[in-house]
Amino acid sequence: MPLAYDTIFRTMLVFIDESGDSGIKGKAGSSEFFVMVAVIFEDNDEAEDCDRRIEGLKKECFSSPLAEFHFSKCNHDRRCKFFQTAAGCDFFYMAFVLNKAKLWGPGFAFKETFYKYTAKLLFENAKPYLSNATLVLDRTGNRDFRQQLEKYLKKKINGESGEQTKIKKLKTEPSHSNNLIQLADMICGAVGRSFKNDKEAAQYRTMISARELSIQVWPKV
């Protein structure tokens, strides 16, 4: 379902998604890396255009109007079609990859702290490119955590006195009705999979290489 452009597309838009889990490396089922991606649209018209392109592809790929693009649920051909479509859109993305094997400190044992810290590191990198940005996340987790995350990021990125409005607000949208959250999901999945020496994931990243601004791995592999 296309977004309501008249209500949402008024400021710089940043769509966020993550791949992996917050469990410390070594625990059963824990992923090796935790990846967070920010997909940044500087121009509202370009965000609207990208949304419409993905909506058109969705109608081509799915029979149900409620279907959505999830990297983990798409086959190779569908992923290629998606990234070919995304490559023609005007945005850029940044990623922050936590190398969990080298993390230490008691704070990383707590899911919410883990998430907030990763978001802070990602947006410290993105800070020079942000101005009056609205951050949009998938509508998961509880409202209290969303409010805590918004307050935390504004304090860290805007500054203690709020002298810079790098981040205007943070909001959530259900992913099934927001094509640009799905874009963040697909890119995040490709980045995360590429750190497993997945040749197909490397191909996806090559397809959208012109949109890749930076990927930081911390601590270094």
N, C-alpha and C. Protein backbone atom coordinates (compact mmCIF):
# COMPACT_ATOMS: atom_id res chain seq x y z
N MET A 1 0.84 -1.20 0.00
CA MET A 1 0.00 0.00 0.00
C MET A 1 0.88 1.25 0.00
N PRO A 2 0.70 2.14 -0.95
CA PRO A 2 1.52 3.36 -0.99
C PRO A 2 1.34 4.20 0.26
N LEU A 3 2.36 4.95 0.62
CA LEU A 3 2.31 5.80 1.79
C LEU A 3 1.49 7.05 1.52
N ALA A 4 1.05 7.68 2.60
CA ALA A 4 0.33 8.95 2.48
C ALA A 4 1.35 10.07 2.41
N TYR A 5 1.72 10.44 1.21
CA TYR A 5 2.81 11.39 1.01
C TYR A 5 2.52 12.77 1.60
N ASP A 6 1.25 13.16 1.61
CA ASP A 6 0.93 14.50 2.08
C ASP A 6 1.14 14.63 3.59
N THR A 7 1.20 13.52 4.32
CA THR A 7 1.37 13.60 5.76
C THR A 7 2.76 13.20 6.21
N ILE A 8 3.46 12.39 5.45
CA ILE A 8 4.74 11.89 5.94
C ILE A 8 5.93 12.48 5.20
N PHE A 9 5.79 12.78 3.92
CA PHE A 9 6.94 13.21 3.13
C PHE A 9 7.13 14.72 3.20
N ARG A 10 7.55 15.20 4.37
CA ARG A 10 7.76 16.64 4.55
C ARG A 10 9.19 16.95 4.99
N THR A 11 9.91 15.98 5.48
CA THR A 11 11.27 16.19 5.93
C THR A 11 12.14 15.07 5.37
N MET A 12 13.46 15.18 5.58
CA MET A 12 14.35 14.08 5.23
C MET A 12 13.86 12.83 5.95
N LEU A 13 13.85 11.72 5.23
CA LEU A 13 13.34 10.46 5.78
C LEU A 13 14.45 9.43 5.88
N VAL A 14 14.48 8.73 7.01
CA VAL A 14 15.47 7.68 7.23
C VAL A 14 14.74 6.44 7.70
N PHE A 15 14.90 5.35 6.95
CA PHE A 15 14.24 4.09 7.28
C PHE A 15 15.27 3.12 7.84
N ILE A 16 14.93 2.49 8.95
CA ILE A 16 15.89 1.71 9.72
C ILE A 16 15.44 0.26 9.83
N ASP A 17 16.40 -0.64 9.69
CA ASP A 17 16.11 -2.05 9.96
C ASP A 17 17.38 -2.71 10.47
N GLU A 18 17.22 -3.89 11.07
CA GLU A 18 18.37 -4.61 11.60
C GLU A 18 18.31 -6.08 11.21
N SER A 19 19.47 -6.71 11.24
CA SER A 19 19.60 -8.12 10.90
C SER A 19 20.48 -8.78 11.95
N GLY A 20 20.13 -10.00 12.32
CA GLY A 20 20.86 -10.67 13.38
C GLY A 20 20.11 -10.51 14.69
N ASP A 21 20.73 -10.86 15.78
CA ASP A 21 20.08 -10.78 17.08
C ASP A 21 21.01 -10.13 18.07
N SER A 22 20.46 -9.77 19.22
CA SER A 22 21.24 -9.06 20.23
C SER A 22 21.92 -9.98 21.22
N GLY A 23 21.82 -11.28 21.01
CA GLY A 23 22.47 -12.22 21.92
C GLY A 23 23.99 -12.18 21.77
N ILE A 24 24.69 -12.26 22.89
CA ILE A 24 26.14 -12.26 22.85
C ILE A 24 26.64 -13.52 22.15
N LYS A 25 27.68 -13.36 21.34
CA LYS A 25 28.26 -14.46 20.59
C LYS A 25 28.63 -15.59 21.54
N GLY A 26 28.27 -16.80 21.15
CA GLY A 26 28.58 -17.97 21.97
C GLY A 26 27.33 -18.59 22.57
N LYS A 27 26.25 -17.78 22.69
CA LYS A 27 24.99 -18.32 23.17
C LYS A 27 24.32 -19.12 22.06
N ALA A 28 23.56 -20.11 22.45
CA ALA A 28 22.90 -20.97 21.46
C ALA A 28 22.02 -20.15 20.53
N GLY A 29 22.21 -20.34 19.23
CA GLY A 29 21.40 -19.66 18.22
C GLY A 29 21.78 -18.23 17.95
N SER A 30 22.82 -17.74 18.58
CA SER A 30 23.22 -16.34 18.41
C SER A 30 23.92 -16.14 17.07
N SER A 31 23.63 -15.01 16.42
CA SER A 31 24.28 -14.68 15.15
C SER A 31 25.68 -14.16 15.40
N GLU A 32 26.54 -14.25 14.39
CA GLU A 32 27.92 -13.78 14.52
C GLU A 32 27.99 -12.25 14.49
N PHE A 33 27.12 -11.64 13.69
CA PHE A 33 27.10 -10.18 13.55
C PHE A 33 25.71 -9.63 13.82
N PHE A 34 25.66 -8.39 14.24
CA PHE A 34 24.40 -7.66 14.34
C PHE A 34 24.53 -6.45 13.42
N VAL A 35 23.62 -6.33 12.46
CA VAL A 35 23.71 -5.31 11.43
C VAL A 35 22.52 -4.36 11.54
N MET A 36 22.80 -3.07 11.48
CA MET A 36 21.75 -2.07 11.43
C MET A 36 21.99 -1.16 10.23
N VAL A 37 20.93 -0.90 9.48
CA VAL A 37 21.01 -0.10 8.25
C VAL A 37 20.11 1.11 8.35
N ALA A 38 20.59 2.23 7.84
CA ALA A 38 19.78 3.44 7.68
C ALA A 38 19.71 3.77 6.20
N VAL A 39 18.51 3.78 5.65
CA VAL A 39 18.27 4.15 4.25
C VAL A 39 17.78 5.58 4.24
N ILE A 40 18.52 6.46 3.59
CA ILE A 40 18.30 7.90 3.70
C ILE A 40 17.83 8.50 2.38
N PHE A 41 16.69 9.18 2.45
CA PHE A 41 16.16 9.94 1.32
C PHE A 41 16.27 11.41 1.65
N GLU A 42 17.03 12.13 0.83
CA GLU A 42 17.18 13.57 1.04
C GLU A 42 16.05 14.36 0.39
N ASP A 43 15.47 13.78 -0.65
CA ASP A 43 14.45 14.47 -1.42
C ASP A 43 13.13 13.72 -1.30
N ASN A 44 12.08 14.42 -0.88
CA ASN A 44 10.79 13.77 -0.68
C ASN A 44 10.21 13.20 -1.96
N ASP A 45 10.42 13.87 -3.08
CA ASP A 45 9.91 13.37 -4.34
C ASP A 45 10.56 12.04 -4.72
N GLU A 46 11.86 11.93 -4.42
CA GLU A 46 12.56 10.68 -4.73
C GLU A 46 12.08 9.54 -3.83
N ALA A 47 11.76 9.85 -2.59
CA ALA A 47 11.21 8.83 -1.70
C ALA A 47 9.86 8.34 -2.21
N GLU A 48 9.06 9.27 -2.66
CA GLU A 48 7.75 8.92 -3.22
C GLU A 48 7.92 8.07 -4.47
N ASP A 49 8.86 8.44 -5.32
CA ASP A 49 9.11 7.68 -6.55
C ASP A 49 9.55 6.25 -6.24
N CYS A 50 10.45 6.10 -5.27
CA CYS A 50 10.94 4.77 -4.91
C CYS A 50 9.81 3.92 -4.33
N ASP A 51 8.99 4.53 -3.50
CA ASP A 51 7.84 3.82 -2.94
C ASP A 51 6.94 3.28 -4.04
N ARG A 52 6.68 4.10 -5.06
CA ARG A 52 5.80 3.68 -6.15
C ARG A 52 6.43 2.57 -7.00
N ARG A 53 7.75 2.65 -7.19
CA ARG A 53 8.42 1.61 -7.95
C ARG A 53 8.34 0.26 -7.24
N ILE A 54 8.55 0.29 -5.93
CA ILE A 54 8.46 -0.95 -5.16
C ILE A 54 7.03 -1.47 -5.15
N GLU A 55 6.07 -0.58 -5.07
CA GLU A 55 4.67 -0.98 -5.11
C GLU A 55 4.34 -1.67 -6.44
N GLY A 56 4.87 -1.12 -7.53
CA GLY A 56 4.64 -1.75 -8.83
C GLY A 56 5.27 -3.13 -8.91
N LEU A 57 6.48 -3.28 -8.37
CA LEU A 57 7.15 -4.58 -8.36
C LEU A 57 6.39 -5.57 -7.48
N LYS A 58 5.84 -5.09 -6.39
CA LYS A 58 5.07 -5.95 -5.49
C LYS A 58 3.87 -6.57 -6.23
N LYS A 59 3.21 -5.77 -7.02
CA LYS A 59 2.06 -6.27 -7.78
C LYS A 59 2.50 -7.30 -8.81
N GLU A 60 3.72 -7.15 -9.33
CA GLU A 60 4.26 -8.11 -10.30
C GLU A 60 4.67 -9.41 -9.63
N CYS A 61 5.16 -9.33 -8.40
CA CYS A 61 5.73 -10.50 -7.74
C CYS A 61 4.75 -11.28 -6.88
N PHE A 62 3.73 -10.60 -6.34
CA PHE A 62 2.84 -11.24 -5.37
C PHE A 62 1.40 -11.19 -5.85
N SER A 63 0.65 -12.23 -5.50
CA SER A 63 -0.77 -12.25 -5.83
C SER A 63 -1.60 -11.59 -4.74
N SER A 64 -1.09 -11.59 -3.52
CA SER A 64 -1.83 -11.00 -2.41
C SER A 64 -1.43 -9.54 -2.20
N PRO A 65 -2.40 -8.65 -2.03
CA PRO A 65 -2.07 -7.24 -1.77
C PRO A 65 -1.45 -7.03 -0.40
N LEU A 66 -1.51 -8.03 0.47
CA LEU A 66 -0.95 -7.92 1.81
C LEU A 66 0.49 -8.42 1.89
N ALA A 67 0.99 -8.96 0.78
CA ALA A 67 2.36 -9.50 0.77
C ALA A 67 3.37 -8.36 0.89
N GLU A 68 4.55 -8.69 1.39
CA GLU A 68 5.62 -7.69 1.52
C GLU A 68 6.96 -8.34 1.24
N PHE A 69 7.94 -7.51 0.95
CA PHE A 69 9.30 -7.99 0.68
C PHE A 69 10.05 -8.16 2.00
N HIS A 70 10.49 -9.39 2.26
CA HIS A 70 11.40 -9.70 3.36
C HIS A 70 12.57 -10.46 2.75
N PHE A 71 13.78 -10.01 3.05
CA PHE A 71 14.95 -10.65 2.46
C PHE A 71 14.97 -12.15 2.74
N SER A 72 14.70 -12.54 3.97
CA SER A 72 14.79 -13.96 4.35
C SER A 72 13.73 -14.83 3.69
N LYS A 73 12.66 -14.20 3.18
CA LYS A 73 11.56 -14.97 2.59
C LYS A 73 11.55 -14.91 1.07
N CYS A 74 12.47 -14.17 0.47
CA CYS A 74 12.52 -14.05 -1.00
C CYS A 74 13.56 -15.01 -1.57
N ASN A 75 13.27 -15.55 -2.74
CA ASN A 75 14.27 -16.36 -3.42
C ASN A 75 15.24 -15.46 -4.19
N HIS A 76 16.23 -16.07 -4.81
CA HIS A 76 17.28 -15.30 -5.47
C HIS A 76 16.72 -14.43 -6.60
N ASP A 77 15.85 -14.99 -7.42
CA ASP A 77 15.30 -14.22 -8.55
C ASP A 77 14.52 -13.00 -8.08
N ARG A 78 13.72 -13.19 -7.03
CA ARG A 78 12.93 -12.07 -6.52
C ARG A 78 13.82 -11.01 -5.90
N ARG A 79 14.88 -11.44 -5.21
CA ARG A 79 15.83 -10.47 -4.66
C ARG A 79 16.49 -9.67 -5.77
N CYS A 80 16.88 -10.34 -6.83
CA CYS A 80 17.52 -9.64 -7.95
C CYS A 80 16.59 -8.60 -8.55
N LYS A 81 15.33 -8.96 -8.75
CA LYS A 81 14.36 -8.01 -9.28
C LYS A 81 14.21 -6.82 -8.36
N PHE A 82 14.19 -7.09 -7.07
CA PHE A 82 14.04 -6.01 -6.11
C PHE A 82 15.22 -5.06 -6.17
N PHE A 83 16.44 -5.60 -6.15
CA PHE A 83 17.62 -4.73 -6.14
C PHE A 83 17.83 -4.01 -7.48
N GLN A 84 17.39 -4.62 -8.55
CA GLN A 84 17.41 -3.93 -9.84
C GLN A 84 16.49 -2.72 -9.80
N THR A 85 15.33 -2.89 -9.19
CA THR A 85 14.39 -1.78 -9.05
C THR A 85 14.96 -0.71 -8.12
N ALA A 86 15.50 -1.14 -6.98
CA ALA A 86 16.05 -0.19 -6.00
C ALA A 86 17.22 0.60 -6.56
N ALA A 87 18.01 -0.04 -7.42
CA ALA A 87 19.19 0.62 -7.97
C ALA A 87 18.82 1.87 -8.78
N GLY A 88 17.61 1.91 -9.30
CA GLY A 88 17.18 3.06 -10.08
C GLY A 88 16.59 4.19 -9.25
N CYS A 89 16.55 4.01 -7.94
CA CYS A 89 15.99 5.03 -7.06
C CYS A 89 17.10 5.91 -6.49
N ASP A 90 16.73 7.08 -6.03
CA ASP A 90 17.70 8.06 -5.55
C ASP A 90 17.69 8.09 -4.01
N PHE A 91 18.58 7.32 -3.41
CA PHE A 91 18.76 7.29 -1.96
C PHE A 91 20.18 6.84 -1.70
N PHE A 92 20.59 6.87 -0.45
CA PHE A 92 21.84 6.22 -0.09
C PHE A 92 21.65 5.53 1.25
N TYR A 93 22.53 4.59 1.53
CA TYR A 93 22.39 3.86 2.79
C TYR A 93 23.73 3.71 3.48
N MET A 94 23.64 3.60 4.80
CA MET A 94 24.79 3.36 5.63
C MET A 94 24.48 2.17 6.53
N ALA A 95 25.52 1.43 6.90
CA ALA A 95 25.32 0.27 7.77
C ALA A 95 26.36 0.27 8.86
N PHE A 96 25.96 -0.23 10.00
CA PHE A 96 26.89 -0.45 11.10
C PHE A 96 26.80 -1.92 11.49
N VAL A 97 27.95 -2.58 11.51
CA VAL A 97 28.01 -4.02 11.75
C VAL A 97 28.77 -4.27 13.05
N LEU A 98 28.08 -4.83 14.04
CA LEU A 98 28.73 -5.18 15.30
C LEU A 98 29.31 -6.59 15.19
N ASN A 99 30.60 -6.70 15.38
CA ASN A 99 31.30 -7.98 15.41
C ASN A 99 31.17 -8.53 16.83
N LYS A 100 30.17 -9.35 17.06
CA LYS A 100 29.79 -9.74 18.42
C LYS A 100 30.85 -10.57 19.13
N ALA A 101 31.71 -11.23 18.38
CA ALA A 101 32.75 -12.06 19.01
C ALA A 101 33.74 -11.21 19.81
N LYS A 102 33.83 -9.92 19.48
CA LYS A 102 34.81 -9.06 20.15
C LYS A 102 34.18 -8.06 21.10
N LEU A 103 32.91 -8.23 21.37
CA LEU A 103 32.24 -7.33 22.31
C LEU A 103 32.52 -7.76 23.74
N TRP A 104 32.61 -6.78 24.60
CA TRP A 104 32.75 -7.08 26.02
C TRP A 104 32.03 -6.00 26.82
N GLY A 105 31.72 -6.29 28.04
CA GLY A 105 31.02 -5.33 28.89
C GLY A 105 29.62 -5.82 29.22
N PRO A 106 29.16 -5.60 30.45
CA PRO A 106 27.86 -6.12 30.89
C PRO A 106 26.67 -5.52 30.14
N GLY A 107 26.82 -4.31 29.61
CA GLY A 107 25.70 -3.66 28.94
C GLY A 107 25.21 -4.42 27.72
N PHE A 108 26.09 -5.13 27.05
CA PHE A 108 25.71 -5.85 25.83
C PHE A 108 24.82 -7.06 26.12
N ALA A 109 24.64 -7.40 27.37
CA ALA A 109 23.78 -8.52 27.73
C ALA A 109 22.30 -8.14 27.71
N PHE A 110 22.01 -6.85 27.60
CA PHE A 110 20.63 -6.38 27.64
C PHE A 110 20.19 -5.94 26.24
N LYS A 111 19.10 -6.52 25.77
CA LYS A 111 18.64 -6.31 24.40
C LYS A 111 18.43 -4.84 24.06
N GLU A 112 17.73 -4.12 24.93
CA GLU A 112 17.41 -2.73 24.62
C GLU A 112 18.66 -1.85 24.60
N THR A 113 19.58 -2.10 25.55
CA THR A 113 20.83 -1.35 25.58
C THR A 113 21.65 -1.64 24.34
N PHE A 114 21.70 -2.90 23.96
CA PHE A 114 22.42 -3.35 22.76
C PHE A 114 21.90 -2.61 21.54
N TYR A 115 20.58 -2.56 21.38
CA TYR A 115 19.96 -1.92 20.22
C TYR A 115 20.25 -0.42 20.20
N LYS A 116 20.05 0.23 21.33
CA LYS A 116 20.25 1.69 21.40
C LYS A 116 21.70 2.06 21.11
N TYR A 117 22.62 1.28 21.63
CA TYR A 117 24.04 1.57 21.42
C TYR A 117 24.40 1.43 19.94
N THR A 118 23.90 0.39 19.30
CA THR A 118 24.16 0.21 17.87
C THR A 118 23.58 1.37 17.07
N ALA A 119 22.35 1.77 17.40
CA ALA A 119 21.72 2.89 16.70
C ALA A 119 22.53 4.17 16.88
N LYS A 120 23.05 4.39 18.08
CA LYS A 120 23.87 5.58 18.31
C LYS A 120 25.12 5.58 17.43
N LEU A 121 25.79 4.43 17.34
CA LEU A 121 27.00 4.34 16.52
C LEU A 121 26.67 4.58 15.05
N LEU A 122 25.58 4.00 14.58
CA LEU A 122 25.16 4.19 13.19
C LEU A 122 24.87 5.66 12.90
N PHE A 123 24.14 6.32 13.79
CA PHE A 123 23.75 7.71 13.53
C PHE A 123 24.85 8.70 13.81
N GLU A 124 25.84 8.32 14.57
CA GLU A 124 27.03 9.16 14.66
C GLU A 124 27.72 9.23 13.30
N ASN A 125 27.75 8.11 12.59
CA ASN A 125 28.32 8.10 11.24
C ASN A 125 27.44 8.88 10.26
N ALA A 126 26.13 8.78 10.45
CA ALA A 126 25.20 9.44 9.52
C ALA A 126 25.01 10.92 9.82
N LYS A 127 25.44 11.37 10.98
CA LYS A 127 25.17 12.73 11.45
C LYS A 127 25.50 13.83 10.43
N PRO A 128 26.65 13.77 9.73
CA PRO A 128 26.96 14.84 8.77
C PRO A 128 25.96 14.95 7.63
N TYR A 129 25.19 13.90 7.40
CA TYR A 129 24.27 13.87 6.26
C TYR A 129 22.82 14.16 6.67
N LEU A 130 22.58 14.34 7.95
CA LEU A 130 21.21 14.49 8.44
C LEU A 130 20.84 15.95 8.67
N SER A 131 19.59 16.25 8.42
CA SER A 131 19.04 17.56 8.72
C SER A 131 17.53 17.43 8.87
N ASN A 132 17.04 17.69 10.09
CA ASN A 132 15.60 17.68 10.33
C ASN A 132 14.98 16.35 9.89
N ALA A 133 15.61 15.26 10.25
CA ALA A 133 15.23 13.94 9.74
C ALA A 133 14.15 13.28 10.59
N THR A 134 13.24 12.62 9.91
CA THR A 134 12.28 11.74 10.56
C THR A 134 12.76 10.31 10.41
N LEU A 135 12.96 9.62 11.52
CA LEU A 135 13.38 8.23 11.49
C LEU A 135 12.15 7.34 11.54
N VAL A 136 12.12 6.33 10.69
CA VAL A 136 10.96 5.44 10.60
C VAL A 136 11.42 4.00 10.81
N LEU A 137 10.84 3.34 11.81
CA LEU A 137 11.16 1.96 12.13
C LEU A 137 9.93 1.10 11.98
N ASP A 138 10.18 -0.20 11.85
CA ASP A 138 9.09 -1.16 11.85
C ASP A 138 8.39 -1.11 13.20
N ARG A 139 7.08 -1.27 13.18
CA ARG A 139 6.30 -1.17 14.42
C ARG A 139 6.39 -2.47 15.21
N THR A 140 7.53 -2.65 15.86
CA THR A 140 7.73 -3.79 16.75
C THR A 140 8.22 -3.25 18.09
N GLY A 141 8.16 -4.07 19.11
CA GLY A 141 8.56 -3.61 20.43
C GLY A 141 7.47 -2.76 21.06
N ASN A 142 7.74 -2.26 22.24
CA ASN A 142 6.71 -1.50 22.95
C ASN A 142 6.92 0.01 22.79
N ARG A 143 5.86 0.72 23.10
CA ARG A 143 5.86 2.17 22.92
C ARG A 143 6.88 2.85 23.82
N ASP A 144 7.02 2.35 25.03
CA ASP A 144 7.97 2.96 25.96
C ASP A 144 9.39 2.91 25.41
N PHE A 145 9.76 1.77 24.81
CA PHE A 145 11.10 1.66 24.26
C PHE A 145 11.29 2.62 23.09
N ARG A 146 10.28 2.77 22.24
CA ARG A 146 10.38 3.72 21.13
C ARG A 146 10.63 5.12 21.64
N GLN A 147 9.91 5.50 22.69
CA GLN A 147 10.08 6.83 23.26
C GLN A 147 11.47 7.00 23.87
N GLN A 148 11.95 5.96 24.53
CA GLN A 148 13.29 5.99 25.11
C GLN A 148 14.35 6.12 24.02
N LEU A 149 14.16 5.37 22.92
CA LEU A 149 15.11 5.41 21.82
C LEU A 149 15.14 6.79 21.17
N GLU A 150 13.97 7.38 20.97
CA GLU A 150 13.89 8.72 20.37
C GLU A 150 14.62 9.73 21.24
N LYS A 151 14.35 9.71 22.54
CA LYS A 151 14.99 10.64 23.47
C LYS A 151 16.51 10.44 23.48
N TYR A 152 16.93 9.19 23.49
CA TYR A 152 18.36 8.85 23.54
C TYR A 152 19.09 9.34 22.30
N LEU A 153 18.52 9.06 21.12
CA LEU A 153 19.18 9.45 19.86
C LEU A 153 19.20 10.98 19.69
N LYS A 154 18.13 11.63 20.06
CA LYS A 154 18.11 13.09 19.97
C LYS A 154 19.19 13.69 20.86
N LYS A 155 19.35 13.16 22.06
CA LYS A 155 20.35 13.66 22.98
C LYS A 155 21.76 13.43 22.44
N LYS A 156 22.01 12.25 21.89
CA LYS A 156 23.34 11.90 21.42
C LYS A 156 23.68 12.57 20.09
N ILE A 157 22.71 12.70 19.20
CA ILE A 157 22.99 13.19 17.84
C ILE A 157 22.71 14.69 17.71
N ASN A 158 21.64 15.18 18.32
CA ASN A 158 21.33 16.61 18.25
C ASN A 158 22.20 17.42 19.20
N GLY A 159 22.71 16.78 20.24
CA GLY A 159 23.50 17.49 21.23
C GLY A 159 22.71 17.69 22.51
N GLU A 160 23.43 17.87 23.60
CA GLU A 160 22.80 18.00 24.91
C GLU A 160 21.79 19.14 24.95
N SER A 161 22.09 20.24 24.29
CA SER A 161 21.20 21.40 24.33
C SER A 161 20.24 21.43 23.14
N GLY A 162 20.35 20.40 22.27
CA GLY A 162 19.50 20.36 21.09
C GLY A 162 19.79 21.46 20.10
N GLU A 163 21.07 21.89 20.07
CA GLU A 163 21.43 23.02 19.20
C GLU A 163 21.35 22.68 17.72
N GLN A 164 21.40 21.39 17.40
CA GLN A 164 21.29 20.95 16.01
C GLN A 164 20.10 20.01 15.88
N THR A 165 19.24 20.28 14.92
CA THR A 165 18.11 19.38 14.70
C THR A 165 18.49 18.40 13.59
N LYS A 166 19.35 17.48 13.91
CA LYS A 166 19.69 16.42 12.98
C LYS A 166 18.54 15.41 12.90
N ILE A 167 18.00 15.08 14.07
CA ILE A 167 16.86 14.16 14.16
C ILE A 167 15.67 14.94 14.69
N LYS A 168 14.62 15.01 13.90
CA LYS A 168 13.41 15.73 14.31
C LYS A 168 12.51 14.85 15.16
N LYS A 169 12.27 13.64 14.70
CA LYS A 169 11.41 12.73 15.45
C LYS A 169 11.63 11.30 14.99
N LEU A 170 11.12 10.38 15.78
CA LEU A 170 11.17 8.95 15.45
C LEU A 170 9.75 8.43 15.48
N LYS A 171 9.38 7.68 14.46
CA LYS A 171 8.04 7.11 14.41
C LYS A 171 8.10 5.68 13.92
N THR A 172 7.03 4.95 14.13
CA THR A 172 6.96 3.56 13.69
C THR A 172 5.82 3.40 12.69
N GLU A 173 6.01 2.48 11.77
CA GLU A 173 5.00 2.13 10.78
C GLU A 173 5.00 0.61 10.64
N PRO A 174 3.86 -0.01 10.39
CA PRO A 174 3.86 -1.45 10.12
C PRO A 174 4.55 -1.73 8.79
N SER A 175 5.46 -2.67 8.78
CA SER A 175 6.27 -2.91 7.58
C SER A 175 5.43 -3.33 6.38
N HIS A 176 4.33 -4.03 6.61
CA HIS A 176 3.54 -4.52 5.48
C HIS A 176 2.91 -3.39 4.68
N SER A 177 2.76 -2.21 5.29
CA SER A 177 2.16 -1.07 4.58
C SER A 177 3.16 0.02 4.27
N ASN A 178 4.45 -0.26 4.47
CA ASN A 178 5.47 0.75 4.21
C ASN A 178 6.57 0.13 3.35
N ASN A 179 6.55 0.45 2.07
CA ASN A 179 7.50 -0.15 1.13
C ASN A 179 8.95 0.24 1.41
N LEU A 180 9.15 1.39 2.05
CA LEU A 180 10.52 1.84 2.28
C LEU A 180 11.13 1.21 3.52
N ILE A 181 10.31 0.77 4.46
CA ILE A 181 10.81 -0.10 5.52
C ILE A 181 11.22 -1.44 4.92
N GLN A 182 10.45 -1.91 3.95
CA GLN A 182 10.81 -3.16 3.26
C GLN A 182 12.12 -3.00 2.49
N LEU A 183 12.34 -1.82 1.94
CA LEU A 183 13.62 -1.54 1.28
C LEU A 183 14.77 -1.68 2.28
N ALA A 184 14.60 -1.10 3.47
CA ALA A 184 15.63 -1.22 4.51
C ALA A 184 15.84 -2.67 4.91
N ASP A 185 14.77 -3.44 5.00
CA ASP A 185 14.88 -4.87 5.33
C ASP A 185 15.69 -5.61 4.29
N MET A 186 15.41 -5.37 3.02
CA MET A 186 16.11 -6.08 1.94
C MET A 186 17.59 -5.72 1.92
N ILE A 187 17.90 -4.44 2.07
CA ILE A 187 19.30 -4.02 2.07
C ILE A 187 20.03 -4.57 3.29
N CYS A 188 19.39 -4.51 4.44
CA CYS A 188 20.01 -5.02 5.66
C CYS A 188 20.27 -6.52 5.54
N GLY A 189 19.33 -7.25 4.96
CA GLY A 189 19.53 -8.68 4.76
C GLY A 189 20.70 -8.97 3.86
N ALA A 190 20.84 -8.19 2.80
CA ALA A 190 21.95 -8.40 1.86
C ALA A 190 23.29 -8.08 2.52
N VAL A 191 23.34 -7.00 3.28
CA VAL A 191 24.59 -6.64 3.97
C VAL A 191 24.96 -7.70 4.99
N GLY A 192 23.99 -8.11 5.80
CA GLY A 192 24.27 -9.12 6.80
C GLY A 192 24.73 -10.43 6.21
N ARG A 193 24.07 -10.87 5.14
CA ARG A 193 24.44 -12.13 4.50
C ARG A 193 25.81 -12.05 3.84
N SER A 194 26.21 -10.87 3.38
CA SER A 194 27.51 -10.72 2.71
C SER A 194 28.67 -10.97 3.66
N PHE A 195 28.45 -10.82 4.97
CA PHE A 195 29.50 -11.09 5.94
C PHE A 195 29.63 -12.58 6.25
N LYS A 196 28.83 -13.38 5.60
CA LYS A 196 28.94 -14.84 5.71
C LYS A 196 29.58 -15.42 4.45
N ASN A 197 30.24 -14.54 3.68
CA ASN A 197 30.88 -14.94 2.42
C ASN A 197 29.87 -15.56 1.45
N ASP A 198 28.69 -15.00 1.43
CA ASP A 198 27.62 -15.45 0.54
C ASP A 198 27.81 -14.75 -0.82
N LYS A 199 28.06 -15.51 -1.87
CA LYS A 199 28.32 -14.94 -3.19
C LYS A 199 27.09 -14.22 -3.74
N GLU A 200 25.90 -14.77 -3.47
CA GLU A 200 24.70 -14.11 -3.95
C GLU A 200 24.51 -12.76 -3.27
N ALA A 201 24.80 -12.70 -1.96
CA ALA A 201 24.68 -11.43 -1.24
C ALA A 201 25.66 -10.41 -1.78
N ALA A 202 26.86 -10.85 -2.12
CA ALA A 202 27.84 -9.94 -2.73
C ALA A 202 27.30 -9.40 -4.05
N GLN A 203 26.59 -10.23 -4.78
CA GLN A 203 25.98 -9.79 -6.04
C GLN A 203 24.92 -8.72 -5.78
N TYR A 204 24.10 -8.92 -4.75
CA TYR A 204 23.07 -7.93 -4.44
C TYR A 204 23.70 -6.59 -4.09
N ARG A 205 24.75 -6.62 -3.29
CA ARG A 205 25.41 -5.37 -2.90
C ARG A 205 26.05 -4.68 -4.10
N THR A 206 26.55 -5.47 -5.04
CA THR A 206 27.10 -4.89 -6.26
C THR A 206 26.01 -4.18 -7.06
N MET A 207 24.83 -4.76 -7.07
CA MET A 207 23.72 -4.19 -7.82
C MET A 207 23.32 -2.81 -7.30
N ILE A 208 23.49 -2.59 -6.00
CA ILE A 208 23.12 -1.30 -5.41
C ILE A 208 24.35 -0.56 -4.87
N SER A 209 25.50 -0.87 -5.43
CA SER A 209 26.75 -0.27 -4.93
C SER A 209 26.75 1.26 -5.02
N ALA A 210 26.05 1.80 -6.01
CA ALA A 210 26.00 3.25 -6.15
C ALA A 210 25.23 3.91 -5.02
N ARG A 211 24.45 3.12 -4.28
CA ARG A 211 23.64 3.64 -3.18
C ARG A 211 24.33 3.45 -1.83
N GLU A 212 25.45 2.74 -1.82
CA GLU A 212 26.13 2.43 -0.57
C GLU A 212 27.10 3.54 -0.20
N LEU A 213 26.82 4.22 0.90
CA LEU A 213 27.67 5.32 1.34
C LEU A 213 28.80 4.83 2.23
N SER A 214 28.47 3.99 3.22
CA SER A 214 29.51 3.45 4.08
C SER A 214 29.00 2.25 4.86
N ILE A 215 29.92 1.35 5.16
CA ILE A 215 29.64 0.23 6.04
C ILE A 215 30.81 0.13 7.02
N GLN A 216 30.51 0.28 8.29
CA GLN A 216 31.55 0.20 9.32
C GLN A 216 31.38 -1.06 10.13
N VAL A 217 32.47 -1.78 10.32
CA VAL A 217 32.48 -2.96 11.17
C VAL A 217 33.21 -2.60 12.46
N TRP A 218 32.58 -2.92 13.60
CA TRP A 218 33.18 -2.60 14.90
C TRP A 218 32.86 -3.68 15.92
N PRO A 219 33.79 -4.08 16.75
CA PRO A 219 35.24 -3.90 16.55
C PRO A 219 35.70 -4.58 15.26
N LYS A 220 36.87 -4.22 14.79
CA LYS A 220 37.35 -4.73 13.51
C LYS A 220 37.40 -6.25 13.52
N VAL A 221 37.07 -6.85 12.35
CA VAL A 221 37.10 -8.30 12.20
C VAL A 221 38.53 -8.78 12.32
